[in-house]
Amino acid sequence: MPSGTRLEILSGPNWSSWSGVFTALLQLNDVDAILTHDTLPSRVDADNWASVQKKTKAYLRLYCAADVYSTVESDVDFPTFKEKYKWLKDTYGGIGSTAIFNLWIELT
């Protein structure tokens, strides 16, 4: 992480700022393909891809509030980083009542 960069804990309502910083960090490390690929991209080493999956999932765990992370913790329901990230984006990336509605649906 570049000096002076601060990645706050994802609490849900702060999705917009959190996701912007997180995406920038992925881009700086040249691993942003993880946002668009469920499977190994062509010309990418399988061991490197597995390592990126493991590390980004760990960062997600470290930088999400416990209640937020618990919704994507399952590697059975969300086996890839992309699936975890997409669910978080769909849930918390909505505008106003959409995000709240999505949370309510998840809780019921």
PDB file of N, CA and C in Angstrom:
ATOM      1  N   MET A   1       0.862  -1.163   0.000  1.00  0.00           N
ATOM      2  CA  MET A   1       0.000   0.000   0.000  1.00  0.00           C
ATOM      3  C   MET A   1       0.910   1.228   0.000  1.00  0.00           C
ATOM      4  N   PRO A   2       0.666   2.161  -0.901  1.00  0.00           N
ATOM      5  CA  PRO A   2       1.491   3.365  -0.954  1.00  0.00           C
ATOM      6  C   PRO A   2       1.405   4.167   0.348  1.00  0.00           C
ATOM      7  N   SER A   3       2.509   4.783   0.689  1.00  0.00           N
ATOM      8  CA  SER A   3       2.561   5.608   1.894  1.00  0.00           C
ATOM      9  C   SER A   3       1.470   6.677   1.851  1.00  0.00           C
ATOM     10  N   GLY A   4       0.794   6.854   2.954  1.00  0.00           N
ATOM     11  CA  GLY A   4      -0.261   7.855   3.040  1.00  0.00           C
ATOM     12  C   GLY A   4      -1.621   7.368   2.587  1.00  0.00           C
ATOM     13  N   THR A   5      -1.680   6.172   2.017  1.00  0.00           N
ATOM     14  CA  THR A   5      -2.955   5.610   1.583  1.00  0.00           C
ATOM     15  C   THR A   5      -3.633   4.967   2.783  1.00  0.00           C
ATOM     16  N   ARG A   6      -4.893   5.259   2.932  1.00  0.00           N
ATOM     17  CA  ARG A   6      -5.651   4.698   4.045  1.00  0.00           C
ATOM     18  C   ARG A   6      -6.872   3.970   3.492  1.00  0.00           C
ATOM     19  N   LEU A   7      -6.955   2.707   3.816  1.00  0.00           N
ATOM     20  CA  LEU A   7      -8.123   1.918   3.444  1.00  0.00           C
ATOM     21  C   LEU A   7      -8.922   1.688   4.714  1.00  0.00           C
ATOM     22  N   GLU A   8     -10.043   2.353   4.793  1.00  0.00           N
ATOM     23  CA  GLU A   8     -10.891   2.206   5.980  1.00  0.00           C
ATOM     24  C   GLU A   8     -11.588   0.852   5.957  1.00  0.00           C
ATOM     25  N   ILE A   9     -12.177   0.493   7.053  1.00  0.00           N
ATOM     26  CA  ILE A   9     -12.932  -0.749   7.149  1.00  0.00           C
ATOM     27  C   ILE A   9     -14.279  -0.563   6.445  1.00  0.00           C
ATOM     28  N   LEU A  10     -14.639  -1.512   5.578  1.00  0.00           N
ATOM     29  CA  LEU A  10     -15.939  -1.450   4.898  1.00  0.00           C
ATOM     30  C   LEU A  10     -17.040  -1.736   5.903  1.00  0.00           C
ATOM     31  N   SER A  11     -17.873  -0.737   6.120  1.00  0.00           N
ATOM     32  CA  SER A  11     -18.991  -0.880   7.055  1.00  0.00           C
ATOM     33  C   SER A  11     -20.319  -1.029   6.319  1.00  0.00           C
ATOM     34  N   GLY A  12     -20.312  -0.818   5.033  1.00  0.00           N
ATOM     35  CA  GLY A  12     -21.530  -0.881   4.219  1.00  0.00           C
ATOM     36  C   GLY A  12     -21.832   0.469   3.606  1.00  0.00           C
ATOM     37  N   PRO A  13     -22.239   1.448   4.439  1.00  0.00           N
ATOM     38  CA  PRO A  13     -22.566   2.768   3.890  1.00  0.00           C
ATOM     39  C   PRO A  13     -21.381   3.480   3.237  1.00  0.00           C
ATOM     40  N   ASN A  14     -20.172   3.083   3.579  1.00  0.00           N
ATOM     41  CA  ASN A  14     -18.985   3.724   3.004  1.00  0.00           C
ATOM     42  C   ASN A  14     -18.479   2.995   1.757  1.00  0.00           C
ATOM     43  N   TRP A  15     -19.330   2.204   1.122  1.00  0.00           N
ATOM     44  CA  TRP A  15     -18.931   1.426  -0.059  1.00  0.00           C
ATOM     45  C   TRP A  15     -18.249   2.276  -1.119  1.00  0.00           C
ATOM     46  N   SER A  16     -18.810   3.407  -1.452  1.00  0.00           N
ATOM     47  CA  SER A  16     -18.293   4.215  -2.555  1.00  0.00           C
ATOM     48  C   SER A  16     -16.830   4.592  -2.348  1.00  0.00           C
ATOM     49  N   SER A  17     -16.506   5.134  -1.201  1.00  0.00           N
ATOM     50  CA  SER A  17     -15.107   5.525  -0.967  1.00  0.00           C
ATOM     51  C   SER A  17     -14.226   4.294  -0.779  1.00  0.00           C
ATOM     52  N   TRP A  18     -14.708   3.292  -0.051  1.00  0.00           N
ATOM     53  CA  TRP A  18     -13.919   2.087   0.197  1.00  0.00           C
ATOM     54  C   TRP A  18     -13.586   1.373  -1.104  1.00  0.00           C
ATOM     55  N   SER A  19     -14.580   1.169  -1.944  1.00  0.00           N
ATOM     56  CA  SER A  19     -14.360   0.421  -3.185  1.00  0.00           C
ATOM     57  C   SER A  19     -13.428   1.168  -4.134  1.00  0.00           C
ATOM     58  N   GLY A  20     -13.491   2.490  -4.115  1.00  0.00           N
ATOM     59  CA  GLY A  20     -12.585   3.270  -4.957  1.00  0.00           C
ATOM     60  C   GLY A  20     -11.131   3.070  -4.570  1.00  0.00           C
ATOM     61  N   VAL A  21     -10.853   3.127  -3.283  1.00  0.00           N
ATOM     62  CA  VAL A  21      -9.482   2.916  -2.799  1.00  0.00           C
ATOM     63  C   VAL A  21      -9.058   1.467  -3.039  1.00  0.00           C
ATOM     64  N   PHE A  22      -9.937   0.515  -2.737  1.00  0.00           N
ATOM     65  CA  PHE A  22      -9.603  -0.900  -2.905  1.00  0.00           C
ATOM     66  C   PHE A  22      -9.305  -1.217  -4.367  1.00  0.00           C
ATOM     67  N   THR A  23     -10.124  -0.712  -5.267  1.00  0.00           N
ATOM     68  CA  THR A  23      -9.906  -0.939  -6.693  1.00  0.00           C
ATOM     69  C   THR A  23      -8.588  -0.327  -7.146  1.00  0.00           C
ATOM     70  N   ALA A  24      -8.287   0.872  -6.667  1.00  0.00           N
ATOM     71  CA  ALA A  24      -7.020   1.521  -7.019  1.00  0.00           C
ATOM     72  C   ALA A  24      -5.830   0.686  -6.540  1.00  0.00           C
ATOM     73  N   LEU A  25      -5.932   0.104  -5.357  1.00  0.00           N
ATOM     74  CA  LEU A  25      -4.852  -0.742  -4.847  1.00  0.00           C
ATOM     75  C   LEU A  25      -4.666  -1.984  -5.721  1.00  0.00           C
ATOM     76  N   LEU A  26      -5.768  -2.568  -6.165  1.00  0.00           N
ATOM     77  CA  LEU A  26      -5.668  -3.715  -7.073  1.00  0.00           C
ATOM     78  C   LEU A  26      -5.001  -3.308  -8.380  1.00  0.00           C
ATOM     79  N   GLN A  27      -5.359  -2.140  -8.896  1.00  0.00           N
ATOM     80  CA  GLN A  27      -4.768  -1.653 -10.140  1.00  0.00           C
ATOM     81  C   GLN A  27      -3.281  -1.374  -9.975  1.00  0.00           C
ATOM     82  N   LEU A  28      -2.904  -0.745  -8.867  1.00  0.00           N
ATOM     83  CA  LEU A  28      -1.492  -0.452  -8.619  1.00  0.00           C
ATOM     84  C   LEU A  28      -0.649  -1.724  -8.540  1.00  0.00           C
ATOM     85  N   ASN A  29      -1.256  -2.795  -8.056  1.00  0.00           N
ATOM     86  CA  ASN A  29      -0.551  -4.071  -7.954  1.00  0.00           C
ATOM     87  C   ASN A  29      -0.743  -4.954  -9.188  1.00  0.00           C
ATOM     88  N   ASP A  30      -1.401  -4.399 -10.202  1.00  0.00           N
ATOM     89  CA  ASP A  30      -1.633  -5.070 -11.479  1.00  0.00           C
ATOM     90  C   ASP A  30      -2.344  -6.412 -11.314  1.00  0.00           C
ATOM     91  N   VAL A  31      -3.332  -6.421 -10.403  1.00  0.00           N
ATOM     92  CA  VAL A  31      -4.129  -7.638 -10.186  1.00  0.00           C
ATOM     93  C   VAL A  31      -5.627  -7.350 -10.298  1.00  0.00           C
ATOM     94  N   ASP A  32      -5.982  -6.252 -10.948  1.00  0.00           N
ATOM     95  CA  ASP A  32      -7.388  -5.869 -11.048  1.00  0.00           C
ATOM     96  C   ASP A  32      -8.192  -6.812 -11.945  1.00  0.00           C
ATOM     97  N   ALA A  33      -7.547  -7.719 -12.664  1.00  0.00           N
ATOM     98  CA  ALA A  33      -8.286  -8.722 -13.450  1.00  0.00           C
ATOM     99  C   ALA A  33      -9.132  -9.588 -12.536  1.00  0.00           C
ATOM    100  N   ILE A  34      -8.788  -9.620 -11.271  1.00  0.00           N
ATOM    101  CA  ILE A  34      -9.543 -10.425 -10.306  1.00  0.00           C
ATOM    102  C   ILE A  34     -10.974  -9.910 -10.138  1.00  0.00           C
ATOM    103  N   LEU A  35     -11.204  -8.671 -10.531  1.00  0.00           N
ATOM    104  CA  LEU A  35     -12.546  -8.095 -10.456  1.00  0.00           C
ATOM    105  C   LEU A  35     -13.432  -8.534 -11.615  1.00  0.00           C
ATOM    106  N   THR A  36     -12.832  -8.991 -12.690  1.00  0.00           N
ATOM    107  CA  THR A  36     -13.594  -9.308 -13.893  1.00  0.00           C
ATOM    108  C   THR A  36     -13.538 -10.771 -14.308  1.00  0.00           C
ATOM    109  N   HIS A  37     -12.715 -11.579 -13.646  1.00  0.00           N
ATOM    110  CA  HIS A  37     -12.559 -12.981 -14.036  1.00  0.00           C
ATOM    111  C   HIS A  37     -12.900 -13.915 -12.875  1.00  0.00           C
ATOM    112  N   ASP A  38     -13.767 -14.870 -13.154  1.00  0.00           N
ATOM    113  CA  ASP A  38     -14.069 -15.930 -12.183  1.00  0.00           C
ATOM    114  C   ASP A  38     -13.038 -17.041 -12.275  1.00  0.00           C
ATOM    115  N   THR A  39     -12.491 -17.215 -13.465  1.00  0.00           N
ATOM    116  CA  THR A  39     -11.553 -18.301 -13.704  1.00  0.00           C
ATOM    117  C   THR A  39     -10.217 -17.722 -14.164  1.00  0.00           C
ATOM    118  N   LEU A  40      -9.251 -18.577 -14.236  1.00  0.00           N
ATOM    119  CA  LEU A  40      -7.900 -18.206 -14.630  1.00  0.00           C
ATOM    120  C   LEU A  40      -7.889 -17.533 -16.003  1.00  0.00           C
ATOM    121  N   PRO A  41      -7.441 -16.279 -16.061  1.00  0.00           N
ATOM    122  CA  PRO A  41      -7.346 -15.606 -17.369  1.00  0.00           C
ATOM    123  C   PRO A  41      -6.256 -16.254 -18.233  1.00  0.00           C
ATOM    124  N   SER A  42      -6.396 -16.122 -19.536  1.00  0.00           N
ATOM    125  CA  SER A  42      -5.379 -16.675 -20.432  1.00  0.00           C
ATOM    126  C   SER A  42      -4.044 -15.968 -20.179  1.00  0.00           C
ATOM    127  N   ARG A  43      -2.998 -16.707 -20.361  1.00  0.00           N
ATOM    128  CA  ARG A  43      -1.617 -16.227 -20.192  1.00  0.00           C
ATOM    129  C   ARG A  43      -1.272 -15.811 -18.762  1.00  0.00           C
ATOM    130  N   VAL A  44      -2.016 -16.316 -17.775  1.00  0.00           N
ATOM    131  CA  VAL A  44      -1.712 -16.062 -16.365  1.00  0.00           C
ATOM    132  C   VAL A  44      -1.356 -17.383 -15.716  1.00  0.00           C
ATOM    133  N   ASP A  45      -0.275 -17.400 -14.982  1.00  0.00           N
ATOM    134  CA  ASP A  45       0.183 -18.592 -14.293  1.00  0.00           C
ATOM    135  C   ASP A  45      -0.833 -19.012 -13.229  1.00  0.00           C
ATOM    136  N   ALA A  46      -1.154 -20.286 -13.207  1.00  0.00           N
ATOM    137  CA  ALA A  46      -2.167 -20.799 -12.268  1.00  0.00           C
ATOM    138  C   ALA A  46      -1.769 -20.573 -10.809  1.00  0.00           C
ATOM    139  N   ASP A  47      -0.503 -20.745 -10.475  1.00  0.00           N
ATOM    140  CA  ASP A  47      -0.059 -20.524  -9.105  1.00  0.00           C
ATOM    141  C   ASP A  47      -0.170 -19.039  -8.721  1.00  0.00           C
ATOM    142  N   ASN A  48       0.168 -18.163  -9.652  1.00  0.00           N
ATOM    143  CA  ASN A  48       0.031 -16.720  -9.388  1.00  0.00           C
ATOM    144  C   ASN A  48      -1.429 -16.349  -9.183  1.00  0.00           C
ATOM    145  N   TRP A  49      -2.312 -16.911 -10.009  1.00  0.00           N
ATOM    146  CA  TRP A  49      -3.742 -16.627  -9.887  1.00  0.00           C
ATOM    147  C   TRP A  49      -4.280 -17.098  -8.539  1.00  0.00           C
ATOM    148  N   ALA A  50      -3.881 -18.288  -8.133  1.00  0.00           N
ATOM    149  CA  ALA A  50      -4.312 -18.817  -6.837  1.00  0.00           C
ATOM    150  C   ALA A  50      -3.794 -17.941  -5.698  1.00  0.00           C
ATOM    151  N   SER A  51      -2.573 -17.454  -5.828  1.00  0.00           N
ATOM    152  CA  SER A  51      -1.993 -16.577  -4.809  1.00  0.00           C
ATOM    153  C   SER A  51      -2.737 -15.252  -4.725  1.00  0.00           C
ATOM    154  N   VAL A  52      -3.092 -14.692  -5.867  1.00  0.00           N
ATOM    155  CA  VAL A  52      -3.841 -13.434  -5.892  1.00  0.00           C
ATOM    156  C   VAL A  52      -5.226 -13.639  -5.272  1.00  0.00           C
ATOM    157  N   GLN A  53      -5.881 -14.748  -5.595  1.00  0.00           N
ATOM    158  CA  GLN A  53      -7.189 -15.060  -4.997  1.00  0.00           C
ATOM    159  C   GLN A  53      -7.072 -15.105  -3.474  1.00  0.00           C
ATOM    160  N   LYS A  54      -6.074 -15.824  -2.998  1.00  0.00           N
ATOM    161  CA  LYS A  54      -5.871 -15.991  -1.562  1.00  0.00           C
ATOM    162  C   LYS A  54      -5.592 -14.653  -0.876  1.00  0.00           C
ATOM    163  N   LYS A  55      -4.717 -13.856  -1.460  1.00  0.00           N
ATOM    164  CA  LYS A  55      -4.339 -12.574  -0.848  1.00  0.00           C
ATOM    165  C   LYS A  55      -5.484 -11.566  -0.873  1.00  0.00           C
ATOM    166  N   THR A  56      -6.206 -11.482  -1.979  1.00  0.00           N
ATOM    167  CA  THR A  56      -7.296 -10.504  -2.037  1.00  0.00           C
ATOM    168  C   THR A  56      -8.436 -10.897  -1.101  1.00  0.00           C
ATOM    169  N   LYS A  57      -8.691 -12.190  -0.960  1.00  0.00           N
ATOM    170  CA  LYS A  57      -9.707 -12.630   0.005  1.00  0.00           C
ATOM    171  C   LYS A  57      -9.270 -12.273   1.426  1.00  0.00           C
ATOM    172  N   ALA A  58      -7.973 -12.404   1.706  1.00  0.00           N
ATOM    173  CA  ALA A  58      -7.455 -12.048   3.031  1.00  0.00           C
ATOM    174  C   ALA A  58      -7.606 -10.550   3.276  1.00  0.00           C
ATOM    175  N   TYR A  59      -7.288  -9.728   2.290  1.00  0.00           N
ATOM    176  CA  TYR A  59      -7.465  -8.277   2.434  1.00  0.00           C
ATOM    177  C   TYR A  59      -8.932  -7.935   2.640  1.00  0.00           C
ATOM    178  N   LEU A  60      -9.796  -8.625   1.926  1.00  0.00           N
ATOM    179  CA  LEU A  60     -11.223  -8.397   2.098  1.00  0.00           C
ATOM    180  C   LEU A  60     -11.632  -8.692   3.536  1.00  0.00           C
ATOM    181  N   ARG A  61     -11.126  -9.766   4.078  1.00  0.00           N
ATOM    182  CA  ARG A  61     -11.440 -10.122   5.463  1.00  0.00           C
ATOM    183  C   ARG A  61     -10.907  -9.075   6.441  1.00  0.00           C
ATOM    184  N   LEU A  62      -9.706  -8.582   6.186  1.00  0.00           N
ATOM    185  CA  LEU A  62      -9.081  -7.613   7.086  1.00  0.00           C
ATOM    186  C   LEU A  62      -9.737  -6.234   7.032  1.00  0.00           C
ATOM    187  N   TYR A  63     -10.300  -5.888   5.880  1.00  0.00           N
ATOM    188  CA  TYR A  63     -10.833  -4.537   5.693  1.00  0.00           C
ATOM    189  C   TYR A  63     -12.350  -4.484   5.545  1.00  0.00           C
ATOM    190  N   CYS A  64     -13.024  -5.457   6.127  1.00  0.00           N
ATOM    191  CA  CYS A  64     -14.491  -5.451   6.209  1.00  0.00           C
ATOM    192  C   CYS A  64     -14.894  -5.594   7.670  1.00  0.00           C
ATOM    193  N   ALA A  65     -15.927  -4.888   8.052  1.00  0.00           N
ATOM    194  CA  ALA A  65     -16.500  -5.093   9.380  1.00  0.00           C
ATOM    195  C   ALA A  65     -16.967  -6.544   9.458  1.00  0.00           C
ATOM    196  N   ALA A  66     -16.934  -7.099  10.650  1.00  0.00           N
ATOM    197  CA  ALA A  66     -17.278  -8.513  10.826  1.00  0.00           C
ATOM    198  C   ALA A  66     -18.656  -8.846  10.276  1.00  0.00           C
ATOM    199  N   ASP A  67     -19.648  -7.981  10.527  1.00  0.00           N
ATOM    200  CA  ASP A  67     -21.002  -8.275  10.041  1.00  0.00           C
ATOM    201  C   ASP A  67     -21.096  -8.189   8.527  1.00  0.00           C
ATOM    202  N   VAL A  68     -20.298  -7.337   7.919  1.00  0.00           N
ATOM    203  CA  VAL A  68     -20.282  -7.228   6.460  1.00  0.00           C
ATOM    204  C   VAL A  68     -19.604  -8.456   5.864  1.00  0.00           C
ATOM    205  N   TYR A  69     -18.441  -8.803   6.397  1.00  0.00           N
ATOM    206  CA  TYR A  69     -17.706  -9.944   5.855  1.00  0.00           C
ATOM    207  C   TYR A  69     -18.466 -11.258   6.024  1.00  0.00           C
ATOM    208  N   SER A  70     -19.203 -11.367   7.112  1.00  0.00           N
ATOM    209  CA  SER A  70     -19.930 -12.620   7.358  1.00  0.00           C
ATOM    210  C   SER A  70     -20.905 -12.956   6.237  1.00  0.00           C
ATOM    211  N   THR A  71     -21.340 -11.951   5.480  1.00  0.00           N
ATOM    212  CA  THR A  71     -22.286 -12.197   4.391  1.00  0.00           C
ATOM    213  C   THR A  71     -21.628 -12.840   3.172  1.00  0.00           C
ATOM    214  N   VAL A  72     -20.291 -12.745   3.063  1.00  0.00           N
ATOM    215  CA  VAL A  72     -19.578 -13.328   1.920  1.00  0.00           C
ATOM    216  C   VAL A  72     -18.486 -14.295   2.358  1.00  0.00           C
ATOM    217  N   GLU A  73     -18.503 -14.663   3.614  1.00  0.00           N
ATOM    218  CA  GLU A  73     -17.439 -15.505   4.168  1.00  0.00           C
ATOM    219  C   GLU A  73     -17.374 -16.889   3.539  1.00  0.00           C
ATOM    220  N   SER A  74     -18.505 -17.454   3.190  1.00  0.00           N
ATOM    221  CA  SER A  74     -18.557 -18.814   2.672  1.00  0.00           C
ATOM    222  C   SER A  74     -17.833 -18.951   1.331  1.00  0.00           C
ATOM    223  N   ASP A  75     -16.837 -19.846   1.299  1.00  0.00           N
ATOM    224  CA  ASP A  75     -16.158 -20.137   0.039  1.00  0.00           C
ATOM    225  C   ASP A  75     -16.960 -21.119  -0.811  1.00  0.00           C
ATOM    226  N   VAL A  76     -18.006 -21.682  -0.243  1.00  0.00           N
ATOM    227  CA  VAL A  76     -18.904 -22.541  -1.013  1.00  0.00           C
ATOM    228  C   VAL A  76     -19.860 -21.660  -1.822  1.00  0.00           C
ATOM    229  N   ASP A  77     -20.461 -20.664  -1.157  1.00  0.00           N
ATOM    230  CA  ASP A  77     -21.391 -19.765  -1.834  1.00  0.00           C
ATOM    231  C   ASP A  77     -20.682 -18.729  -2.705  1.00  0.00           C
ATOM    232  N   PHE A  78     -19.489 -18.319  -2.276  1.00  0.00           N
ATOM    233  CA  PHE A  78     -18.712 -17.304  -2.981  1.00  0.00           C
ATOM    234  C   PHE A  78     -17.272 -17.807  -3.131  1.00  0.00           C
ATOM    235  N   PRO A  79     -17.034 -18.724  -4.075  1.00  0.00           N
ATOM    236  CA  PRO A  79     -15.713 -19.359  -4.169  1.00  0.00           C
ATOM    237  C   PRO A  79     -14.587 -18.452  -4.674  1.00  0.00           C
ATOM    238  N   THR A  80     -14.925 -17.394  -5.394  1.00  0.00           N
ATOM    239  CA  THR A  80     -13.879 -16.511  -5.921  1.00  0.00           C
ATOM    240  C   THR A  80     -13.996 -15.117  -5.311  1.00  0.00           C
ATOM    241  N   PHE A  81     -12.900 -14.399  -5.399  1.00  0.00           N
ATOM    242  CA  PHE A  81     -12.912 -13.028  -4.930  1.00  0.00           C
ATOM    243  C   PHE A  81     -13.959 -12.220  -5.694  1.00  0.00           C
ATOM    244  N   LYS A  82     -14.021 -12.427  -7.010  1.00  0.00           N
ATOM    245  CA  LYS A  82     -14.968 -11.675  -7.843  1.00  0.00           C
ATOM    246  C   LYS A  82     -16.396 -11.847  -7.345  1.00  0.00           C
ATOM    247  N   GLU A  83     -16.782 -13.054  -6.975  1.00  0.00           N
ATOM    248  CA  GLU A  83     -18.138 -13.299  -6.498  1.00  0.00           C
ATOM    249  C   GLU A  83     -18.403 -12.607  -5.159  1.00  0.00           C
ATOM    250  N   LYS A  84     -17.427 -12.633  -4.284  1.00  0.00           N
ATOM    251  CA  LYS A  84     -17.564 -11.943  -3.000  1.00  0.00           C
ATOM    252  C   LYS A  84     -17.710 -10.437  -3.232  1.00  0.00           C
ATOM    253  N   TYR A  85     -16.837  -9.898  -4.056  1.00  0.00           N
ATOM    254  CA  TYR A  85     -16.828  -8.459  -4.332  1.00  0.00           C
ATOM    255  C   TYR A  85     -18.129  -8.022  -5.008  1.00  0.00           C
ATOM    256  N   LYS A  86     -18.595  -8.825  -5.963  1.00  0.00           N
ATOM    257  CA  LYS A  86     -19.837  -8.485  -6.671  1.00  0.00           C
ATOM    258  C   LYS A  86     -21.020  -8.445  -5.708  1.00  0.00           C
ATOM    259  N   TRP A  87     -21.091  -9.420  -4.802  1.00  0.00           N
ATOM    260  CA  TRP A  87     -22.195  -9.420  -3.837  1.00  0.00           C
ATOM    261  C   TRP A  87     -22.131  -8.174  -2.962  1.00  0.00           C
ATOM    262  N   LEU A  88     -20.941  -7.834  -2.499  1.00  0.00           N
ATOM    263  CA  LEU A  88     -20.791  -6.626  -1.673  1.00  0.00           C
ATOM    264  C   LEU A  88     -21.188  -5.385  -2.469  1.00  0.00           C
ATOM    265  N   LYS A  89     -20.769  -5.326  -3.721  1.00  0.00           N
ATOM    266  CA  LYS A  89     -21.110  -4.180  -4.574  1.00  0.00           C
ATOM    267  C   LYS A  89     -22.620  -4.099  -4.796  1.00  0.00           C
ATOM    268  N   ASP A  90     -23.242  -5.235  -5.096  1.00  0.00           N
ATOM    269  CA  ASP A  90     -24.688  -5.249  -5.329  1.00  0.00           C
ATOM    270  C   ASP A  90     -25.456  -4.865  -4.064  1.00  0.00           C
ATOM    271  N   THR A  91     -24.929  -5.246  -2.921  1.00  0.00           N
ATOM    272  CA  THR A  91     -25.608  -4.983  -1.657  1.00  0.00           C
ATOM    273  C   THR A  91     -25.391  -3.565  -1.168  1.00  0.00           C
ATOM    274  N   TYR A  92     -24.148  -3.118  -1.166  1.00  0.00           N
ATOM    275  CA  TYR A  92     -23.817  -1.822  -0.566  1.00  0.00           C
ATOM    276  C   TYR A  92     -23.602  -0.709  -1.571  1.00  0.00           C
ATOM    277  N   GLY A  93     -23.485  -1.047  -2.833  1.00  0.00           N
ATOM    278  CA  GLY A  93     -23.225  -0.040  -3.853  1.00  0.00           C
ATOM    279  C   GLY A  93     -24.457   0.659  -4.365  1.00  0.00           C
ATOM    280  N   GLY A  94     -25.632   0.234  -3.887  1.00  0.00           N
ATOM    281  CA  GLY A  94     -26.879   0.863  -4.304  1.00  0.00           C
ATOM    282  C   GLY A  94     -27.001   2.271  -3.761  1.00  0.00           C
ATOM    283  N   ILE A  95     -27.891   3.009  -4.297  1.00  0.00           N
ATOM    284  CA  ILE A  95     -28.137   4.378  -3.865  1.00  0.00           C
ATOM    285  C   ILE A  95     -29.236   4.376  -2.805  1.00  0.00           C
ATOM    286  N   GLY A  96     -28.912   4.890  -1.646  1.00  0.00           N
ATOM    287  CA  GLY A  96     -29.895   5.110  -0.588  1.00  0.00           C
ATOM    288  C   GLY A  96     -30.701   3.885  -0.232  1.00  0.00           C
ATOM    289  N   SER A  97     -31.984   3.933  -0.502  1.00  0.00           N
ATOM    290  CA  SER A  97     -32.875   2.873  -0.063  1.00  0.00           C
ATOM    291  C   SER A  97     -32.612   1.548  -0.752  1.00  0.00           C
ATOM    292  N   THR A  98     -31.986   1.550  -1.917  1.00  0.00           N
ATOM    293  CA  THR A  98     -31.688   0.292  -2.597  1.00  0.00           C
ATOM    294  C   THR A  98     -30.744  -0.553  -1.752  1.00  0.00           C
ATOM    295  N   ALA A  99     -29.699   0.054  -1.233  1.00  0.00           N
ATOM    296  CA  ALA A  99     -28.751  -0.678  -0.397  1.00  0.00           C
ATOM    297  C   ALA A  99     -29.435  -1.164   0.875  1.00  0.00           C
ATOM    298  N   ILE A 100     -30.249  -0.328   1.465  1.00  0.00           N
ATOM    299  CA  ILE A 100     -30.954  -0.706   2.688  1.00  0.00           C
ATOM    300  C   ILE A 100     -31.947  -1.828   2.390  1.00  0.00           C
ATOM    301  N   PHE A 101     -32.653  -1.739   1.270  1.00  0.00           N
ATOM    302  CA  PHE A 101     -33.587  -2.787   0.876  1.00  0.00           C
ATOM    303  C   PHE A 101     -32.861  -4.113   0.685  1.00  0.00           C
ATOM    304  N   ASN A 102     -31.708  -4.069   0.012  1.00  0.00           N
ATOM    305  CA  ASN A 102     -30.928  -5.291  -0.197  1.00  0.00           C
ATOM    306  C   ASN A 102     -30.510  -5.914   1.124  1.00  0.00           C
ATOM    307  N   LEU A 103     -30.132  -5.092   2.089  1.00  0.00           N
ATOM    308  CA  LEU A 103     -29.755  -5.599   3.402  1.00  0.00           C
ATOM    309  C   LEU A 103     -30.963  -6.232   4.091  1.00  0.00           C
ATOM    310  N   TRP A 104     -32.095  -5.592   3.991  1.00  0.00           N
ATOM    311  CA  TRP A 104     -33.305  -6.117   4.610  1.00  0.00           C
ATOM    312  C   TRP A 104     -33.664  -7.477   4.007  1.00  0.00           C
ATOM    313  N   ILE A 105     -33.572  -7.594   2.688  1.00  0.00           N
ATOM    314  CA  ILE A 105     -33.860  -8.852   2.014  1.00  0.00           C
ATOM    315  C   ILE A 105     -32.897  -9.931   2.508  1.00  0.00           C
ATOM    316  N   GLU A 106     -31.623  -9.596   2.646  1.00  0.00           N
ATOM    317  CA  GLU A 106     -30.633 -10.567   3.094  1.00  0.00           C
ATOM    318  C   GLU A 106     -30.930 -11.043   4.509  1.00  0.00           C
ATOM    319  N   LEU A 107     -31.429 -10.171   5.356  1.00  0.00           N
ATOM    320  CA  LEU A 107     -31.690 -10.512   6.735  1.00  0.00           C
ATOM    321  C   LEU A 107     -32.967 -11.326   6.918  1.00  0.00           C
ATOM    322  N   THR A 108     -33.875 -11.240   5.945  1.00  0.00           N
ATOM    323  CA  THR A 108     -35.148 -11.961   6.088  1.00  0.00           C
ATOM    324  C   THR A 108     -35.134 -13.299   5.397  1.00  0.00           C
TER     325      THR A 108
END
